[in-house]
């Protein structure tokens, strides 16, 4: 199972990043089950509207429609459970050099891993988040 951070999803969806085609293959063409937090929907909306303002894409609405479809069909959306996720995210920011939303993604992935029999591989392109994920016992892709 792959837990995809927003940094990876954004690169795959925008298509103008150096590794976007590799990430598309990993996330959408492999046999792996791919999941992310529902937080990614909010983060991707911000990324896509910023890309439209920077003229990297023509229509944020069109790309967001594609993203919404993929997040309901190809990628599993995990709910945020604030009562368990936020205390864990707080611990993560105290112990690791990560931003708040990155810590929340890690906390959601930890919650998933604790209830999952299969290995959960964390997929990110953020160096600090990758270091924290590795320290928390995740394999990386």
Protein backbone atom coordinates (compact mmCIF):
# COMPACT_ATOMS: atom_id res chain seq x y z
CA UNK A 1 0.00 0.00 0.00
CA UNK A 2 1.24 3.48 -0.88
CA UNK A 3 0.43 6.59 1.13
CA UNK A 4 0.79 9.54 -1.26
CA UNK A 5 1.56 12.95 0.16
CA UNK A 6 0.17 16.01 -1.61
CA UNK A 7 3.62 16.90 -2.95
CA UNK A 8 3.57 13.73 -5.03
CA UNK A 9 -0.05 14.06 -6.11
CA UNK A 10 0.51 17.65 -7.25
CA UNK A 11 3.50 16.65 -9.36
CA UNK A 12 1.57 13.80 -10.95
CA UNK A 13 -1.50 15.92 -11.73
CA UNK A 14 0.27 19.04 -12.97
CA UNK A 15 2.37 17.16 -15.49
CA UNK A 16 5.07 19.81 -15.96
CA UNK A 17 7.29 18.56 -13.15
CA UNK A 18 10.48 16.60 -14.00
CA UNK A 19 9.21 13.35 -12.45
CA UNK A 20 5.50 13.70 -13.18
CA UNK A 21 5.34 10.82 -15.66
CA UNK A 22 7.15 8.47 -13.24
CA UNK A 23 4.73 9.45 -10.48
CA UNK A 24 1.72 8.95 -12.76
CA UNK A 25 2.94 5.41 -13.43
CA UNK A 26 3.50 4.73 -9.73
CA UNK A 27 0.18 6.16 -8.56
CA UNK A 28 -2.19 5.28 -11.40
CA UNK A 29 -0.67 2.44 -13.43
CA UNK A 30 0.84 0.15 -10.80
CA UNK A 31 -1.00 -2.61 -8.97
CA UNK A 32 -0.44 -0.90 -5.62
CA UNK A 33 -3.33 0.39 -3.56
CA UNK A 34 -2.81 4.16 -3.23
CA UNK A 35 -4.31 6.26 -0.45
CA UNK A 36 -4.01 9.80 0.86
CA UNK A 37 -5.64 11.97 3.48
CA UNK A 38 -8.72 14.01 2.67
CA UNK A 39 -6.43 16.93 3.52
CA UNK A 40 -4.94 16.45 0.05
CA UNK A 41 -8.16 17.71 -1.57
CA UNK A 42 -7.70 21.08 0.13
CA UNK A 43 -3.98 21.26 -0.58
CA UNK A 44 -4.45 20.28 -4.22
CA UNK A 45 -7.10 22.98 -4.68
CA UNK A 46 -4.55 25.55 -3.50
CA UNK A 47 -1.79 24.16 -5.72
CA UNK A 48 -4.02 24.02 -8.79
CA UNK A 49 -5.38 27.55 -8.39
CA UNK A 50 -1.82 28.83 -7.91
CA UNK A 51 -0.79 26.99 -11.09
CA UNK A 52 -3.63 28.67 -12.98
CA UNK A 53 -2.61 32.12 -11.71
CA UNK A 54 0.98 31.40 -12.79
CA UNK A 55 -0.33 30.29 -16.21
CA UNK A 56 1.07 26.78 -15.80
CA UNK A 57 -2.40 25.41 -16.61
CA UNK A 58 -5.35 26.86 -18.49
CA UNK A 59 -8.23 25.93 -16.20
CA UNK A 60 -8.14 25.15 -12.51
CA UNK A 61 -11.76 24.00 -12.65
CA UNK A 62 -11.01 21.43 -15.35
CA UNK A 63 -8.02 19.98 -13.52
CA UNK A 64 -9.86 19.98 -10.18
CA UNK A 65 -12.66 17.97 -11.81
CA UNK A 66 -10.10 15.38 -12.94
CA UNK A 67 -8.54 15.34 -9.47
CA UNK A 68 -11.92 14.90 -7.77
CA UNK A 69 -12.68 11.96 -10.05
CA UNK A 70 -9.31 10.33 -9.40
CA UNK A 71 -9.61 10.90 -5.65
CA UNK A 72 -12.91 9.02 -5.64
CA UNK A 73 -11.92 6.20 -8.01
CA UNK A 74 -8.18 5.55 -8.30
CA UNK A 75 -6.96 6.81 -4.92
CA UNK A 76 -8.50 6.06 -1.56
CA UNK A 77 -9.27 9.08 0.61
CA UNK A 78 -8.65 8.55 4.31
CA UNK A 79 -10.70 10.60 6.75
CA UNK A 80 -9.06 12.99 9.19
CA UNK A 81 -9.76 11.91 12.74
CA UNK A 82 -8.72 15.01 14.71
CA UNK A 83 -8.91 13.34 18.12
CA UNK A 84 -6.15 10.89 17.20
CA UNK A 85 -4.35 12.57 14.31
CA UNK A 86 -3.71 16.01 15.79
CA UNK A 87 -1.98 14.84 19.00
CA UNK A 88 0.23 12.56 16.88
CA UNK A 89 0.97 15.40 14.45
CA UNK A 90 1.97 17.59 17.40
CA UNK A 91 4.39 14.92 18.59
CA UNK A 92 5.82 14.66 15.09
CA UNK A 93 6.51 18.41 14.81
CA UNK A 94 8.19 18.34 18.20
CA UNK A 95 10.45 15.45 17.17
CA UNK A 96 11.09 16.18 13.48
CA UNK A 97 11.75 19.11 11.19
CA UNK A 98 8.45 19.11 9.28
CA UNK A 99 5.73 21.59 8.50
CA UNK A 100 2.30 21.29 10.09
CA UNK A 101 0.43 19.81 7.13
CA UNK A 102 3.28 17.40 6.43
CA UNK A 103 3.06 16.22 10.05
CA UNK A 104 -0.68 15.70 9.68
CA UNK A 105 -0.09 13.52 6.61
CA UNK A 106 2.47 11.50 8.56
CA UNK A 107 0.05 11.11 11.47
CA UNK A 108 -2.70 9.87 9.13
CA UNK A 109 -0.24 7.40 7.58
CA UNK A 110 0.78 6.18 11.05
CA UNK A 111 -2.87 5.66 11.96
CA UNK A 112 -3.33 3.69 8.74
CA UNK A 113 -0.20 1.61 9.34
CA UNK A 114 -1.29 0.74 12.87
CA UNK A 115 -4.53 -0.75 11.52
CA UNK A 116 -3.11 -2.32 8.35
CA UNK A 117 -1.62 -5.77 7.92
CA UNK A 118 0.24 -4.83 4.72
CA UNK A 119 3.30 -2.59 4.70
CA UNK A 120 2.56 1.08 4.11
CA UNK A 121 5.12 2.85 1.92
CA UNK A 122 5.23 6.64 2.22
CA UNK A 123 5.56 8.55 -1.06
CA UNK A 124 6.74 12.16 -0.87
CA UNK A 125 9.09 14.51 -2.65
CA UNK A 126 9.65 16.72 0.41
CA UNK A 127 13.08 16.00 1.89
CA UNK A 128 12.21 16.88 5.49
CA UNK A 129 9.00 14.87 5.39
CA UNK A 130 10.86 11.92 3.85
CA UNK A 131 13.43 12.02 6.65
CA UNK A 132 10.67 12.08 9.26
CA UNK A 133 8.80 9.24 7.53
CA UNK A 134 11.95 7.14 7.49
CA UNK A 135 12.59 7.88 11.18
CA UNK A 136 9.00 6.80 11.90
CA UNK A 137 9.69 3.45 10.27
CA UNK A 138 8.16 3.89 6.83
CA UNK A 139 9.79 2.66 3.67
CA UNK A 140 9.92 5.34 0.98
CA UNK A 141 9.09 5.38 -2.72
